[in-house]
Amino acid sequence: MVQPNIFFNMVRNCTSCKLSSECEGAVPGDGPLPARVVLVGEYPGRLEDKIGIPYQNKAGEILERHLNRIGMSRKDVLVTTVCKCRPEGRSPTPDEIK
């Protein structure tokens, strides 16, 4: 099993597709490994590549509010995205997802 900090660095430094040249760093996800609950979005938000954590700002507030409603908090779930870099103005291609 890959250690969480090694996985984080592997994803942050990924150059597997052209999106890596368009972002400041891929966004690996945030939360416990292993996780009982995993929430998966499509791709990171506009500013999330700077800090490497998905669902910040308004989306993060909404996520935390909904988690609280079901008796959970953000620290209880792994939050990640299918595509680790943000494609501007479009959905990610199959190669970018891979």
C-alpha atoms as a PDB file:
ATOM      1  CA  MET A   1       0.000   0.000   0.000  1.00  0.00           C
ATOM      2  CA  VAL A   2       1.281   3.470  -0.909  1.00  0.00           C
ATOM      3  CA  GLN A   3       1.696   5.772   2.083  1.00  0.00           C
ATOM      4  CA  PRO A   4      -0.662   8.814   1.989  1.00  0.00           C
ATOM      5  CA  ASN A   5       2.111  11.448   1.829  1.00  0.00           C
ATOM      6  CA  ILE A   6       3.887   9.553  -0.978  1.00  0.00           C
ATOM      7  CA  PHE A   7       0.585   9.271  -2.902  1.00  0.00           C
ATOM      8  CA  PHE A   8      -0.050  13.018  -2.391  1.00  0.00           C
ATOM      9  CA  ASN A   9       3.384  13.890  -3.809  1.00  0.00           C
ATOM     10  CA  MET A  10       3.009  11.455  -6.716  1.00  0.00           C
ATOM     11  CA  VAL A  11      -0.270  13.047  -7.769  1.00  0.00           C
ATOM     12  CA  ARG A  12       0.885  16.654  -7.169  1.00  0.00           C
ATOM     13  CA  ASN A  13       3.861  16.056  -9.496  1.00  0.00           C
ATOM     14  CA  CYS A  14       1.951  14.139 -12.190  1.00  0.00           C
ATOM     15  CA  THR A  15       2.735  15.056 -15.814  1.00  0.00           C
ATOM     16  CA  SER A  16       0.812  12.210 -17.486  1.00  0.00           C
ATOM     17  CA  CYS A  17      -1.380  14.446 -19.666  1.00  0.00           C
ATOM     18  CA  LYS A  18      -1.415  17.933 -21.153  1.00  0.00           C
ATOM     19  CA  LEU A  19      -3.519  19.277 -18.279  1.00  0.00           C
ATOM     20  CA  SER A  20      -0.436  19.194 -16.058  1.00  0.00           C
ATOM     21  CA  SER A  21       0.980  22.154 -17.991  1.00  0.00           C
ATOM     22  CA  GLU A  22      -2.225  24.124 -17.419  1.00  0.00           C
ATOM     23  CA  CYS A  23      -2.433  23.810 -13.620  1.00  0.00           C
ATOM     24  CA  GLU A  24      -0.185  24.606 -10.678  1.00  0.00           C
ATOM     25  CA  GLY A  25      -0.375  21.055  -9.387  1.00  0.00           C
ATOM     26  CA  ALA A  26      -2.702  18.102  -9.637  1.00  0.00           C
ATOM     27  CA  VAL A  27      -5.187  17.744  -6.771  1.00  0.00           C
ATOM     28  CA  PRO A  28      -4.895  14.290  -5.166  1.00  0.00           C
ATOM     29  CA  GLY A  29      -7.730  14.463  -2.676  1.00  0.00           C
ATOM     30  CA  ASP A  30      -8.091  14.916   1.043  1.00  0.00           C
ATOM     31  CA  GLY A  31      -9.117  12.566   3.806  1.00  0.00           C
ATOM     32  CA  PRO A  32      -8.299   9.325   5.540  1.00  0.00           C
ATOM     33  CA  LEU A  33      -6.670   6.365   3.793  1.00  0.00           C
ATOM     34  CA  PRO A  34      -8.173   3.828   3.868  1.00  0.00           C
ATOM     35  CA  ALA A  35     -11.590   5.480   3.907  1.00  0.00           C
ATOM     36  CA  ARG A  36     -15.023   4.025   4.646  1.00  0.00           C
ATOM     37  CA  VAL A  37     -16.665   6.776   2.582  1.00  0.00           C
ATOM     38  CA  VAL A  38     -15.250   8.278  -0.627  1.00  0.00           C
ATOM     39  CA  LEU A  39     -16.822  11.280  -2.352  1.00  0.00           C
ATOM     40  CA  VAL A  40     -15.757  11.743  -5.978  1.00  0.00           C
ATOM     41  CA  GLY A  41     -16.277  14.910  -7.998  1.00  0.00           C
ATOM     42  CA  GLU A  42     -15.536  15.499 -11.677  1.00  0.00           C
ATOM     43  CA  TYR A  43     -12.489  17.824 -11.414  1.00  0.00           C
ATOM     44  CA  PRO A  44     -10.957  20.403  -9.034  1.00  0.00           C
ATOM     45  CA  GLY A  45     -12.239  23.944  -8.713  1.00  0.00           C
ATOM     46  CA  ARG A  46     -10.442  27.015 -10.017  1.00  0.00           C
ATOM     47  CA  LEU A  47      -8.128  27.668  -7.075  1.00  0.00           C
ATOM     48  CA  GLU A  48      -7.765  24.157  -5.707  1.00  0.00           C
ATOM     49  CA  ASP A  49      -4.639  23.326  -7.727  1.00  0.00           C
ATOM     50  CA  LYS A  50      -2.762  25.938  -5.693  1.00  0.00           C
ATOM     51  CA  ILE A  51      -3.376  24.123  -2.388  1.00  0.00           C
ATOM     52  CA  GLY A  52      -3.940  20.541  -3.551  1.00  0.00           C
ATOM     53  CA  ILE A  53      -7.213  19.976  -1.694  1.00  0.00           C
ATOM     54  CA  PRO A  54     -10.565  19.595  -3.503  1.00  0.00           C
ATOM     55  CA  TYR A  55     -13.842  21.206  -2.519  1.00  0.00           C
ATOM     56  CA  GLN A  56     -12.688  24.444  -0.963  1.00  0.00           C
ATOM     57  CA  ASN A  57     -14.513  27.776  -0.740  1.00  0.00           C
ATOM     58  CA  LYS A  58     -18.251  27.701  -1.522  1.00  0.00           C
ATOM     59  CA  ALA A  59     -18.296  24.052  -2.657  1.00  0.00           C
ATOM     60  CA  GLY A  60     -16.469  23.047   0.516  1.00  0.00           C
ATOM     61  CA  GLU A  61     -18.959  24.924   2.692  1.00  0.00           C
ATOM     62  CA  ILE A  62     -21.862  23.169   0.973  1.00  0.00           C
ATOM     63  CA  LEU A  63     -20.150  19.789   1.303  1.00  0.00           C
ATOM     64  CA  GLU A  64     -19.478  20.301   5.021  1.00  0.00           C
ATOM     65  CA  ARG A  65     -23.048  21.443   5.642  1.00  0.00           C
ATOM     66  CA  HIS A  66     -24.450  18.297   4.000  1.00  0.00           C
ATOM     67  CA  LEU A  67     -22.003  16.028   5.809  1.00  0.00           C
ATOM     68  CA  ASN A  68     -23.005  17.604   9.128  1.00  0.00           C
ATOM     69  CA  ARG A  69     -26.667  16.887   8.349  1.00  0.00           C
ATOM     70  CA  ILE A  70     -25.903  13.162   8.255  1.00  0.00           C
ATOM     71  CA  GLY A  71     -23.699  13.228  11.334  1.00  0.00           C
ATOM     72  CA  MET A  72     -20.341  13.221   9.560  1.00  0.00           C
ATOM     73  CA  SER A  73     -17.547  15.716   9.092  1.00  0.00           C
ATOM     74  CA  ARG A  74     -15.026  16.262   6.364  1.00  0.00           C
ATOM     75  CA  LYS A  75     -12.349  14.412   8.348  1.00  0.00           C
ATOM     76  CA  ASP A  76     -14.519  11.264   8.122  1.00  0.00           C
ATOM     77  CA  VAL A  77     -14.474  11.008   4.318  1.00  0.00           C
ATOM     78  CA  LEU A  78     -11.969  10.923   1.483  1.00  0.00           C
ATOM     79  CA  VAL A  79     -12.844  13.703  -0.958  1.00  0.00           C
ATOM     80  CA  THR A  80     -11.304  13.429  -4.416  1.00  0.00           C
ATOM     81  CA  THR A  81     -11.995  14.001  -8.104  1.00  0.00           C
ATOM     82  CA  VAL A  82     -11.946  11.782 -11.188  1.00  0.00           C
ATOM     83  CA  CYS A  83      -9.658  14.182 -13.040  1.00  0.00           C
ATOM     84  CA  LYS A  84      -6.862  15.609 -10.887  1.00  0.00           C
ATOM     85  CA  CYS A  85      -6.382  18.867 -12.887  1.00  0.00           C
ATOM     86  CA  ARG A  86      -9.050  21.306 -14.049  1.00  0.00           C
ATOM     87  CA  PRO A  87      -9.851  21.375 -17.774  1.00  0.00           C
ATOM     88  CA  GLU A  88     -10.962  24.944 -18.504  1.00  0.00           C
ATOM     89  CA  GLY A  89     -14.490  25.242 -19.820  1.00  0.00           C
ATOM     90  CA  ARG A  90     -15.088  21.586 -20.664  1.00  0.00           C
ATOM     91  CA  SER A  91     -15.377  18.079 -19.271  1.00  0.00           C
ATOM     92  CA  PRO A  92     -12.172  16.026 -19.029  1.00  0.00           C
ATOM     93  CA  THR A  93     -11.315  13.661 -21.867  1.00  0.00           C
ATOM     94  CA  PRO A  94     -10.939   9.903 -21.258  1.00  0.00           C
ATOM     95  CA  ASP A  95      -7.125  10.249 -21.514  1.00  0.00           C
ATOM     96  CA  GLU A  96      -7.116  13.038 -18.918  1.00  0.00           C
ATOM     97  CA  ILE A  97      -9.227  10.949 -16.563  1.00  0.00           C
ATOM     98  CA  LYS A  98      -6.898   7.973 -17.031  1.00  0.00           C
END
